[in-house]
Amino acid sequence: MKNFFLDVLKGALIGIAVIIPGVSGGTLAIMLNVYDKMLNAIGNITKEFKKSFFTLLPIGIGILLGIIALIIPLKWALAYYPFPTATLFVALIIGQLPSLYKNVQGNENASNFFIALTPLALVVVLCVIDLLLDTPPVSLSEPQWYIYIVLFFVGFLASSTLVVPGISGSMVLMLLGFYKPIINICDDLLHFSNIGSSILILIPFGIGIIVGFYFMSRLIAYFLNKFKIQTYFAILGFIIGSLTGIYMQVNKQYGFQFDTLQIILSIVLFVIGIGLSVGLNLFNKKTGEKKKVENAEVNE
């Protein structure tokens, strides 16, 4: 029972990370020592369903509770302080870059830089095209039938980033333009408003999350085992490219306001975001070193 509630607490922290663009749920899962447990449970869910289910259950409950706890304050922050909030997201991303770069340090060459530039350029080009075409923001108020299919694939992509250390699922939702609509749907449910339509929208999204989590965890594990350096270069390129995308999408969906308070708050949140991200990375490093020492002592 003690371990159950501990996993619920860890899941809640991961849930908070999942809903904040720029914070990687996968990275936090590693820091909390539940990443391997989650991957093993997902990988063996067809062979050992009961064991895997009860392993993932407390973590899943915690993730849900963490998301619920943050939806309302995050929606408020984006509505009234969009530029400072976007700056916090960007700072959290920038603070992770040195830690991610250490995974590829010493392997800088033309082919690896090309691998990094490909997703970077793709994200920037898609954001610029979206800006030039001035496409309307995504709306889920009266969805057409095909939107439910799109929601499945959006959930698939968003959940897959949970198993990729360094990439934020919410950041992917924001780049796709679905972050605000999904947040609004969840907020409606919390206020018991439009319950039927909200559930219908979240069902394909949730199925996509479950399916994506299963398949992409196995795919990412394969790439990290076989092509670790190249995979991390691609992750770095995607993350760097997303920095401009986050500002574009937040401005498009919420509208930036530039007054003295917004600018001062942006500077403060930028410093706080860098500090939090660097602090989490240092904690992760110390935890990893401690784990190595403990494993070495066990082997001896």
Foldseek 3Di string as FASTA:
>chain_A
DVVLVVLLQLLLVLLLQQLQQQRASQLSCLLSVCLVVLLVLLQCCVPCVVVSCSSCVSSVNSSVNNNLVCLVVVLVCLQPQVLLSLLLSLLLLVLCLVVLVVLQPPPDDDVLLVLLQVLLVVLQVLLVVCVVVVDAADALPPDDPCVLVVLLQLLLQLLLSNSPPSHHSLLSCLSVRNSVNLSVLSVCVVVVHPVPSSVSSVVSNVNSNSVSNNVSSVVVVVCCVVPVNSVSSNSSSNSVSSSVSSVSSSCNPRNHDDDPVSVVSSVVSSVVSSVVNNVSSVSSVVSVVVVVVVVVVVVD
